[in-house]
Amino acid sequence: MAAIYPDLAGKVVVVTGGGSGIGAELVRHFARQKARVGFLDIADEPSQALAAELEGDSLSVAFEHADVTDIPALKSAIGRIRDRFGPVDVLMNNAAHDERHATEEVTEAYWDGRIAVNLKHQFFAAQAVLPDMKAKGGGAIVNFGSVSWMIGQGGMAAYTACKSGVIGLTRSLARDFGPFNIRVNALAPGWIMTERQLALWVTPESDAEINARQCLKRKLVPADVARFAVFLASEEAGACTNQHYVVDGGWV
């Protein structure tokens, strides 16, 4: 049975990139805690299906179409969630894109695009919800990183640069907003078996690598990350801030 955190009931949660993969599981897990969950994504069809699934269970969810690299659109979508559910208590900065890229082929425009989709929006989403949290006297932000830079993965230098930068962003926000009882942590998933990973990157060779490198000899799934993220947002983790937590089955 999944853990229940009574303090999350009625809380307003924003999840970026919530239409699929880890993000969709975050939406499900927070909704099942009886939180009011607004999620952003650019993919309408799976997002609408997820919202319909959870609304069918009489849970409080709202999907807002938004490209997180468009900062005015990002802030506007968060504003619509606020208008519907109220001031934001929890932010899950989950949206990202792990497209592989050869260093020799990266242009300035491509680099800027990778920064926009993997790091920049985390700052501006936090900026958009921090006034709500300050007014409420507390809140929780989880910025999603990756183990990719920790394991020395190649072939995606812009992505790994962004994901290592998540730690610096997290520590600065935690320091600045701790006096307002706002907790900010980073969460680094390992190789999680999302639809995208299974379709694009998982092969018999990568399966063998996972088995060799992880301490836990099983595939990790989005729920493994979502359960920990929900804990971090709850008051059970009320003394946890300014930290970087790894959910990778013991790879790092």
C-alpha atoms as a PDB file:
ATOM      1  CA  MET A   1       0.000   0.000   0.000  1.00  0.00           C
ATOM      2  CA  ALA A   2       1.292   3.450  -0.920  1.00  0.00           C
ATOM      3  CA  ALA A   3       2.098   5.830   1.925  1.00  0.00           C
ATOM      4  CA  ILE A   4      -0.482   8.545   2.631  1.00  0.00           C
ATOM      5  CA  TYR A   5       0.636  12.001   3.741  1.00  0.00           C
ATOM      6  CA  PRO A   6      -2.404  13.766   5.219  1.00  0.00           C
ATOM      7  CA  ASP A   7      -0.747  17.190   5.058  1.00  0.00           C
ATOM      8  CA  LEU A   8      -0.743  17.019   1.242  1.00  0.00           C
ATOM      9  CA  ALA A   9      -4.543  16.824   1.060  1.00  0.00           C
ATOM     10  CA  GLY A  10      -5.840  20.047  -0.450  1.00  0.00           C
ATOM     11  CA  LYS A  11      -2.368  21.348  -1.309  1.00  0.00           C
ATOM     12  CA  VAL A  12      -1.920  22.955  -4.726  1.00  0.00           C
ATOM     13  CA  VAL A  13       0.775  21.197  -6.745  1.00  0.00           C
ATOM     14  CA  VAL A  14       2.252  22.255 -10.097  1.00  0.00           C
ATOM     15  CA  VAL A  15       4.048  19.654 -12.222  1.00  0.00           C
ATOM     16  CA  THR A  16       5.915  20.683 -15.375  1.00  0.00           C
ATOM     17  CA  GLY A  17       6.152  18.089 -18.128  1.00  0.00           C
ATOM     18  CA  GLY A  18       3.318  16.191 -16.482  1.00  0.00           C
ATOM     19  CA  GLY A  19       1.768  14.530 -19.518  1.00  0.00           C
ATOM     20  CA  SER A  20       3.935  11.426 -19.737  1.00  0.00           C
ATOM     21  CA  GLY A  21       6.780   9.485 -18.166  1.00  0.00           C
ATOM     22  CA  ILE A  22       7.926  10.474 -14.691  1.00  0.00           C
ATOM     23  CA  GLY A  23       5.788  13.616 -14.856  1.00  0.00           C
ATOM     24  CA  ALA A  24       2.560  11.690 -15.399  1.00  0.00           C
ATOM     25  CA  GLU A  25       3.361   9.463 -12.443  1.00  0.00           C
ATOM     26  CA  LEU A  26       3.992  12.558 -10.311  1.00  0.00           C
ATOM     27  CA  VAL A  27       0.557  13.843 -11.271  1.00  0.00           C
ATOM     28  CA  ARG A  28      -1.068  10.502 -10.388  1.00  0.00           C
ATOM     29  CA  HIS A  29       0.687  10.182  -7.045  1.00  0.00           C
ATOM     30  CA  PHE A  30      -0.070  13.730  -5.894  1.00  0.00           C
ATOM     31  CA  ALA A  31      -3.681  13.465  -7.048  1.00  0.00           C
ATOM     32  CA  ARG A  32      -4.064  10.242  -5.047  1.00  0.00           C
ATOM     33  CA  GLN A  33      -2.827  12.166  -1.999  1.00  0.00           C
ATOM     34  CA  LYS A  34      -5.939  14.326  -2.529  1.00  0.00           C
ATOM     35  CA  ALA A  35      -3.831  17.293  -3.618  1.00  0.00           C
ATOM     36  CA  ARG A  36      -5.096  19.670  -6.294  1.00  0.00           C
ATOM     37  CA  VAL A  37      -2.729  19.120  -9.196  1.00  0.00           C
ATOM     38  CA  GLY A  38      -2.130  21.363 -12.174  1.00  0.00           C
ATOM     39  CA  PHE A  39       0.252  20.101 -14.820  1.00  0.00           C
ATOM     40  CA  LEU A  40       1.872  21.602 -17.891  1.00  0.00           C
ATOM     41  CA  ASP A  41       2.874  19.894 -21.119  1.00  0.00           C
ATOM     42  CA  ILE A  42       3.113  20.514 -24.852  1.00  0.00           C
ATOM     43  CA  ALA A  43       1.607  17.128 -25.764  1.00  0.00           C
ATOM     44  CA  ASP A  44      -2.155  17.561 -25.692  1.00  0.00           C
ATOM     45  CA  GLU A  45      -3.415  14.041 -26.379  1.00  0.00           C
ATOM     46  CA  PRO A  46      -1.661  12.110 -23.579  1.00  0.00           C
ATOM     47  CA  SER A  47      -2.164  15.011 -21.175  1.00  0.00           C
ATOM     48  CA  GLN A  48      -5.887  15.179 -21.815  1.00  0.00           C
ATOM     49  CA  ALA A  49      -6.125  11.406 -21.431  1.00  0.00           C
ATOM     50  CA  LEU A  50      -4.314  11.587 -18.077  1.00  0.00           C
ATOM     51  CA  ALA A  51      -6.595  14.369 -16.850  1.00  0.00           C
ATOM     52  CA  ALA A  52      -9.661  12.390 -17.920  1.00  0.00           C
ATOM     53  CA  GLU A  53      -8.341   9.260 -16.166  1.00  0.00           C
ATOM     54  CA  LEU A  54      -7.889  11.045 -12.858  1.00  0.00           C
ATOM     55  CA  GLU A  55     -11.045  13.129 -13.092  1.00  0.00           C
ATOM     56  CA  GLY A  56     -12.850   9.823 -13.636  1.00  0.00           C
ATOM     57  CA  ASP A  57     -11.590   8.838 -10.185  1.00  0.00           C
ATOM     58  CA  SER A  58     -13.009  12.103  -8.777  1.00  0.00           C
ATOM     59  CA  LEU A  59      -9.526  13.557  -8.264  1.00  0.00           C
ATOM     60  CA  SER A  60      -8.655  17.247  -8.676  1.00  0.00           C
ATOM     61  CA  VAL A  61      -6.437  17.781 -11.709  1.00  0.00           C
ATOM     62  CA  ALA A  62      -6.094  20.401 -14.433  1.00  0.00           C
ATOM     63  CA  PHE A  63      -4.035  20.256 -17.619  1.00  0.00           C
ATOM     64  CA  GLU A  64      -2.629  23.452 -19.111  1.00  0.00           C
ATOM     65  CA  HIS A  65      -0.938  23.434 -22.508  1.00  0.00           C
ATOM     66  CA  ALA A  66       2.369  25.285 -22.268  1.00  0.00           C
ATOM     67  CA  ASP A  67       5.813  25.216 -23.827  1.00  0.00           C
ATOM     68  CA  VAL A  68       8.082  25.702 -20.820  1.00  0.00           C
ATOM     69  CA  THR A  69      10.758  27.298 -23.006  1.00  0.00           C
ATOM     70  CA  ASP A  70       8.312  30.175 -23.625  1.00  0.00           C
ATOM     71  CA  ILE A  71       8.606  31.912 -20.269  1.00  0.00           C
ATOM     72  CA  PRO A  72       5.528  34.172 -20.623  1.00  0.00           C
ATOM     73  CA  ALA A  73       3.483  31.101 -21.611  1.00  0.00           C
ATOM     74  CA  LEU A  74       4.915  29.164 -18.670  1.00  0.00           C
ATOM     75  CA  LYS A  75       3.986  31.901 -16.207  1.00  0.00           C
ATOM     76  CA  SER A  76       0.559  32.327 -17.768  1.00  0.00           C
ATOM     77  CA  ALA A  77      -0.168  28.589 -17.409  1.00  0.00           C
ATOM     78  CA  ILE A  78       0.878  28.648 -13.757  1.00  0.00           C
ATOM     79  CA  GLY A  79      -1.370  31.670 -13.321  1.00  0.00           C
ATOM     80  CA  ARG A  80      -4.344  29.749 -14.731  1.00  0.00           C
ATOM     81  CA  ILE A  81      -3.675  26.892 -12.306  1.00  0.00           C
ATOM     82  CA  ARG A  82      -3.561  29.440  -9.473  1.00  0.00           C
ATOM     83  CA  ASP A  83      -6.857  30.932 -10.636  1.00  0.00           C
ATOM     84  CA  ARG A  84      -8.483  27.496 -10.566  1.00  0.00           C
ATOM     85  CA  PHE A  85      -7.013  25.936  -7.437  1.00  0.00           C
ATOM     86  CA  GLY A  86      -5.456  28.768  -5.426  1.00  0.00           C
ATOM     87  CA  PRO A  87      -1.892  29.753  -4.473  1.00  0.00           C
ATOM     88  CA  VAL A  88       0.761  27.130  -5.148  1.00  0.00           C
ATOM     89  CA  ASP A  89       2.186  25.014  -2.310  1.00  0.00           C
ATOM     90  CA  VAL A  90       4.381  22.564  -4.228  1.00  0.00           C
ATOM     91  CA  LEU A  91       6.352  22.819  -7.484  1.00  0.00           C
ATOM     92  CA  MET A  92       7.770  19.811  -9.308  1.00  0.00           C
ATOM     93  CA  ASN A  93      10.239  21.140 -11.907  1.00  0.00           C
ATOM     94  CA  ASN A  94      10.222  17.950 -13.952  1.00  0.00           C
ATOM     95  CA  ALA A  95      10.141  18.987 -17.628  1.00  0.00           C
ATOM     96  CA  ALA A  96      13.259  18.139 -19.642  1.00  0.00           C
ATOM     97  CA  HIS A  97      14.443  16.686 -22.950  1.00  0.00           C
ATOM     98  CA  ASP A  98      17.369  14.260 -23.095  1.00  0.00           C
ATOM     99  CA  GLU A  99      18.038  14.377 -26.828  1.00  0.00           C
ATOM    100  CA  ARG A 100      21.501  13.081 -27.659  1.00  0.00           C
ATOM    101  CA  HIS A 101      23.825  15.406 -29.573  1.00  0.00           C
ATOM    102  CA  ALA A 102      27.343  15.280 -30.974  1.00  0.00           C
ATOM    103  CA  THR A 103      29.499  18.108 -29.624  1.00  0.00           C
ATOM    104  CA  GLU A 104      30.946  18.845 -33.056  1.00  0.00           C
ATOM    105  CA  GLU A 105      27.458  19.500 -34.442  1.00  0.00           C
ATOM    106  CA  VAL A 106      26.079  21.734 -31.677  1.00  0.00           C
ATOM    107  CA  THR A 107      25.257  25.261 -32.843  1.00  0.00           C
ATOM    108  CA  GLU A 108      24.758  28.260 -30.590  1.00  0.00           C
ATOM    109  CA  ALA A 109      21.010  28.105 -31.241  1.00  0.00           C
ATOM    110  CA  TYR A 110      20.868  24.411 -30.356  1.00  0.00           C
ATOM    111  CA  TRP A 111      22.861  25.010 -27.154  1.00  0.00           C
ATOM    112  CA  ASP A 112      20.512  27.813 -26.113  1.00  0.00           C
ATOM    113  CA  GLY A 113      17.559  25.544 -26.823  1.00  0.00           C
ATOM    114  CA  ARG A 114      18.947  22.797 -24.594  1.00  0.00           C
ATOM    115  CA  ILE A 115      19.466  25.305 -21.775  1.00  0.00           C
ATOM    116  CA  ALA A 116      15.904  26.542 -22.229  1.00  0.00           C
ATOM    117  CA  VAL A 117      14.271  23.110 -22.088  1.00  0.00           C
ATOM    118  CA  ASN A 118      16.456  21.612 -19.352  1.00  0.00           C
ATOM    119  CA  LEU A 119      17.335  24.414 -16.918  1.00  0.00           C
ATOM    120  CA  LYS A 120      16.092  27.940 -17.617  1.00  0.00           C
ATOM    121  CA  HIS A 121      12.407  27.190 -17.049  1.00  0.00           C
ATOM    122  CA  GLN A 122      13.130  25.701 -13.616  1.00  0.00           C
ATOM    123  CA  PHE A 123      14.283  29.107 -12.398  1.00  0.00           C
ATOM    124  CA  PHE A 124      11.326  30.981 -13.864  1.00  0.00           C
ATOM    125  CA  ALA A 125       8.745  28.454 -12.653  1.00  0.00           C
ATOM    126  CA  ALA A 126      10.196  28.822  -9.163  1.00  0.00           C
ATOM    127  CA  GLN A 127      10.129  32.597  -9.517  1.00  0.00           C
ATOM    128  CA  ALA A 128       6.435  32.380 -10.431  1.00  0.00           C
ATOM    129  CA  VAL A 129       5.394  30.373  -7.353  1.00  0.00           C
ATOM    130  CA  LEU A 130       7.707  31.752  -4.675  1.00  0.00           C
ATOM    131  CA  PRO A 131       5.411  34.712  -3.831  1.00  0.00           C
ATOM    132  CA  ASP A 132       2.588  32.236  -3.143  1.00  0.00           C
ATOM    133  CA  MET A 133       4.799  30.187  -0.843  1.00  0.00           C
ATOM    134  CA  LYS A 134       6.144  33.232   0.977  1.00  0.00           C
ATOM    135  CA  ALA A 135       2.608  34.470   1.608  1.00  0.00           C
ATOM    136  CA  LYS A 136       1.570  31.039   2.908  1.00  0.00           C
ATOM    137  CA  GLY A 137       4.584  30.722   5.168  1.00  0.00           C
ATOM    138  CA  GLY A 138       6.018  27.651   3.470  1.00  0.00           C
ATOM    139  CA  GLY A 139       6.264  25.458   0.419  1.00  0.00           C
ATOM    140  CA  ALA A 140       8.298  22.803  -1.332  1.00  0.00           C
ATOM    141  CA  ILE A 141      10.141  22.848  -4.650  1.00  0.00           C
ATOM    142  CA  VAL A 142      11.788  19.813  -6.219  1.00  0.00           C
ATOM    143  CA  ASN A 143      14.097  20.457  -9.173  1.00  0.00           C
ATOM    144  CA  PHE A 144      14.711  17.375 -11.298  1.00  0.00           C
ATOM    145  CA  GLY A 145      18.271  16.617 -12.302  1.00  0.00           C
ATOM    146  CA  SER A 146      19.850  13.430 -13.623  1.00  0.00           C
ATOM    147  CA  VAL A 147      22.621  10.983 -12.821  1.00  0.00           C
ATOM    148  CA  SER A 148      23.926  11.375 -16.386  1.00  0.00           C
ATOM    149  CA  TRP A 149      26.634  13.873 -15.446  1.00  0.00           C
ATOM    150  CA  MET A 150      27.584  11.911 -12.324  1.00  0.00           C
ATOM    151  CA  ILE A 151      28.242   8.719 -14.261  1.00  0.00           C
ATOM    152  CA  GLY A 152      30.220  10.591 -16.927  1.00  0.00           C
ATOM    153  CA  GLN A 153      27.776   9.917 -19.745  1.00  0.00           C
ATOM    154  CA  GLY A 154      28.886  11.301 -23.089  1.00  0.00           C
ATOM    155  CA  GLY A 155      27.028  12.279 -26.226  1.00  0.00           C
ATOM    156  CA  MET A 156      24.863  14.962 -24.607  1.00  0.00           C
ATOM    157  CA  ALA A 157      27.126  17.670 -23.224  1.00  0.00           C
ATOM    158  CA  ALA A 158      24.493  20.411 -23.155  1.00  0.00           C
ATOM    159  CA  TYR A 159      22.036  18.173 -21.317  1.00  0.00           C
ATOM    160  CA  THR A 160      24.543  17.043 -18.704  1.00  0.00           C
ATOM    161  CA  ALA A 161      25.699  20.646 -18.198  1.00  0.00           C
ATOM    162  CA  CYS A 162      22.101  21.648 -17.469  1.00  0.00           C
ATOM    163  CA  LYS A 163      21.478  18.763 -15.124  1.00  0.00           C
ATOM    164  CA  SER A 164      24.587  19.478 -13.084  1.00  0.00           C
ATOM    165  CA  GLY A 165      23.491  23.130 -12.980  1.00  0.00           C
ATOM    166  CA  VAL A 166      20.261  22.064 -11.273  1.00  0.00           C
ATOM    167  CA  ILE A 167      22.236  21.547  -8.063  1.00  0.00           C
ATOM    168  CA  GLY A 168      23.578  25.102  -8.041  1.00  0.00           C
ATOM    169  CA  LEU A 169      20.109  26.498  -8.685  1.00  0.00           C
ATOM    170  CA  THR A 170      18.652  24.337  -5.931  1.00  0.00           C
ATOM    171  CA  ARG A 171      21.210  25.360  -3.332  1.00  0.00           C
ATOM    172  CA  SER A 172      20.826  29.068  -4.083  1.00  0.00           C
ATOM    173  CA  LEU A 173      17.030  28.959  -3.851  1.00  0.00           C
ATOM    174  CA  ALA A 174      17.146  26.871  -0.675  1.00  0.00           C
ATOM    175  CA  ARG A 175      19.481  29.370   0.972  1.00  0.00           C
ATOM    176  CA  ASP A 176      17.544  32.445  -0.113  1.00  0.00           C
ATOM    177  CA  PHE A 177      14.065  31.175   0.750  1.00  0.00           C
ATOM    178  CA  GLY A 178      14.684  28.942   3.756  1.00  0.00           C
ATOM    179  CA  PRO A 179      13.827  31.829   6.117  1.00  0.00           C
ATOM    180  CA  PHE A 180      10.304  31.701   4.643  1.00  0.00           C
ATOM    181  CA  ASN A 181      10.022  27.956   5.414  1.00  0.00           C
ATOM    182  CA  ILE A 182      10.345  27.119   1.711  1.00  0.00           C
ATOM    183  CA  ARG A 183      12.242  23.907   1.116  1.00  0.00           C
ATOM    184  CA  VAL A 184      14.117  23.349  -2.154  1.00  0.00           C
ATOM    185  CA  ASN A 185      15.684  20.028  -3.085  1.00  0.00           C
ATOM    186  CA  ALA A 186      17.045  18.368  -6.204  1.00  0.00           C
ATOM    187  CA  LEU A 187      16.114  14.851  -7.275  1.00  0.00           C
ATOM    188  CA  ALA A 188      18.240  12.901  -9.756  1.00  0.00           C
ATOM    189  CA  PRO A 189      16.559   9.880 -11.343  1.00  0.00           C
ATOM    190  CA  GLY A 190      18.663   7.079 -12.716  1.00  0.00           C
ATOM    191  CA  TRP A 191      17.705   5.119 -15.813  1.00  0.00           C
ATOM    192  CA  ILE A 192      13.923   5.058 -15.452  1.00  0.00           C
ATOM    193  CA  MET A 193      11.885   2.889 -17.813  1.00  0.00           C
ATOM    194  CA  THR A 194       9.564   5.524 -19.272  1.00  0.00           C
ATOM    195  CA  GLU A 195       7.805   5.105 -22.601  1.00  0.00           C
ATOM    196  CA  ARG A 196      10.421   7.360 -24.201  1.00  0.00           C
ATOM    197  CA  GLN A 197      13.390   5.448 -22.816  1.00  0.00           C
ATOM    198  CA  LEU A 198      11.925   2.105 -23.861  1.00  0.00           C
ATOM    199  CA  ALA A 199      11.189   3.377 -27.361  1.00  0.00           C
ATOM    200  CA  LEU A 200      14.477   5.184 -28.028  1.00  0.00           C
ATOM    201  CA  TRP A 201      17.337   4.039 -25.849  1.00  0.00           C
ATOM    202  CA  VAL A 202      16.765   0.704 -24.128  1.00  0.00           C
ATOM    203  CA  THR A 203      18.475  -2.180 -25.928  1.00  0.00           C
ATOM    204  CA  PRO A 204      19.753  -5.609 -24.890  1.00  0.00           C
ATOM    205  CA  GLU A 205      23.148  -3.970 -24.419  1.00  0.00           C
ATOM    206  CA  SER A 206      21.788  -1.228 -22.187  1.00  0.00           C
ATOM    207  CA  ASP A 207      19.804  -3.803 -20.215  1.00  0.00           C
ATOM    208  CA  ALA A 208      23.064  -5.598 -19.513  1.00  0.00           C
ATOM    209  CA  GLU A 209      24.705  -2.322 -18.465  1.00  0.00           C
ATOM    210  CA  ILE A 210      21.863  -1.544 -16.060  1.00  0.00           C
ATOM    211  CA  ASN A 211      22.161  -4.970 -14.491  1.00  0.00           C
ATOM    212  CA  ALA A 212      25.916  -4.608 -14.123  1.00  0.00           C
ATOM    213  CA  ARG A 213      25.959  -1.072 -12.701  1.00  0.00           C
ATOM    214  CA  GLN A 214      22.909  -0.897 -10.444  1.00  0.00           C
ATOM    215  CA  CYS A 215      23.094  -2.413  -6.978  1.00  0.00           C
ATOM    216  CA  LEU A 216      19.422  -3.318  -7.361  1.00  0.00           C
ATOM    217  CA  LYS A 217      19.040  -5.848 -10.143  1.00  0.00           C
ATOM    218  CA  ARG A 218      15.718  -4.655 -11.497  1.00  0.00           C
ATOM    219  CA  LYS A 219      14.420  -2.022 -13.842  1.00  0.00           C
ATOM    220  CA  LEU A 220      13.355   1.242 -12.242  1.00  0.00           C
ATOM    221  CA  VAL A 221       9.947   2.657 -13.135  1.00  0.00           C
ATOM    222  CA  PRO A 222       8.417   6.152 -12.867  1.00  0.00           C
ATOM    223  CA  ALA A 223       6.585   5.238  -9.659  1.00  0.00           C
ATOM    224  CA  ASP A 224       9.950   4.719  -7.930  1.00  0.00           C
ATOM    225  CA  VAL A 225      10.707   8.399  -8.474  1.00  0.00           C
ATOM    226  CA  ALA A 226       7.178   9.670  -7.827  1.00  0.00           C
ATOM    227  CA  ARG A 227       6.934   8.000  -4.418  1.00  0.00           C
ATOM    228  CA  PHE A 228      10.109   9.718  -3.263  1.00  0.00           C
ATOM    229  CA  ALA A 229       9.087  13.076  -4.729  1.00  0.00           C
ATOM    230  CA  VAL A 230       5.775  12.950  -2.855  1.00  0.00           C
ATOM    231  CA  PHE A 231       7.662  12.248   0.368  1.00  0.00           C
ATOM    232  CA  LEU A 232       9.946  15.247  -0.251  1.00  0.00           C
ATOM    233  CA  ALA A 233       6.905  17.493  -0.690  1.00  0.00           C
ATOM    234  CA  SER A 234       5.291  16.274   2.520  1.00  0.00           C
ATOM    235  CA  GLU A 235       5.898  17.442   6.056  1.00  0.00           C
ATOM    236  CA  GLU A 236       7.514  14.074   6.752  1.00  0.00           C
ATOM    237  CA  ALA A 237      10.506  15.635   4.960  1.00  0.00           C
ATOM    238  CA  GLY A 238      10.045  18.947   6.766  1.00  0.00           C
ATOM    239  CA  ALA A 239      13.709  19.201   7.782  1.00  0.00           C
ATOM    240  CA  CYS A 240      15.045  18.305   4.319  1.00  0.00           C
ATOM    241  CA  THR A 241      16.241  21.159   2.136  1.00  0.00           C
ATOM    242  CA  ASN A 242      19.299  22.232   0.131  1.00  0.00           C
ATOM    243  CA  GLN A 243      19.992  18.581  -0.726  1.00  0.00           C
ATOM    244  CA  HIS A 244      20.496  16.423  -3.808  1.00  0.00           C
ATOM    245  CA  TYR A 245      18.787  13.033  -3.676  1.00  0.00           C
ATOM    246  CA  VAL A 246      19.555  10.215  -6.102  1.00  0.00           C
ATOM    247  CA  VAL A 247      16.967   7.592  -7.085  1.00  0.00           C
ATOM    248  CA  ASP A 248      18.977   5.259  -9.323  1.00  0.00           C
ATOM    249  CA  GLY A 249      18.979   1.796  -7.777  1.00  0.00           C
ATOM    250  CA  GLY A 250      22.535   2.320  -6.577  1.00  0.00           C
ATOM    251  CA  TRP A 251      24.244   3.090  -9.879  1.00  0.00           C
ATOM    252  CA  VAL A 252      26.170   6.139  -8.645  1.00  0.00           C
END
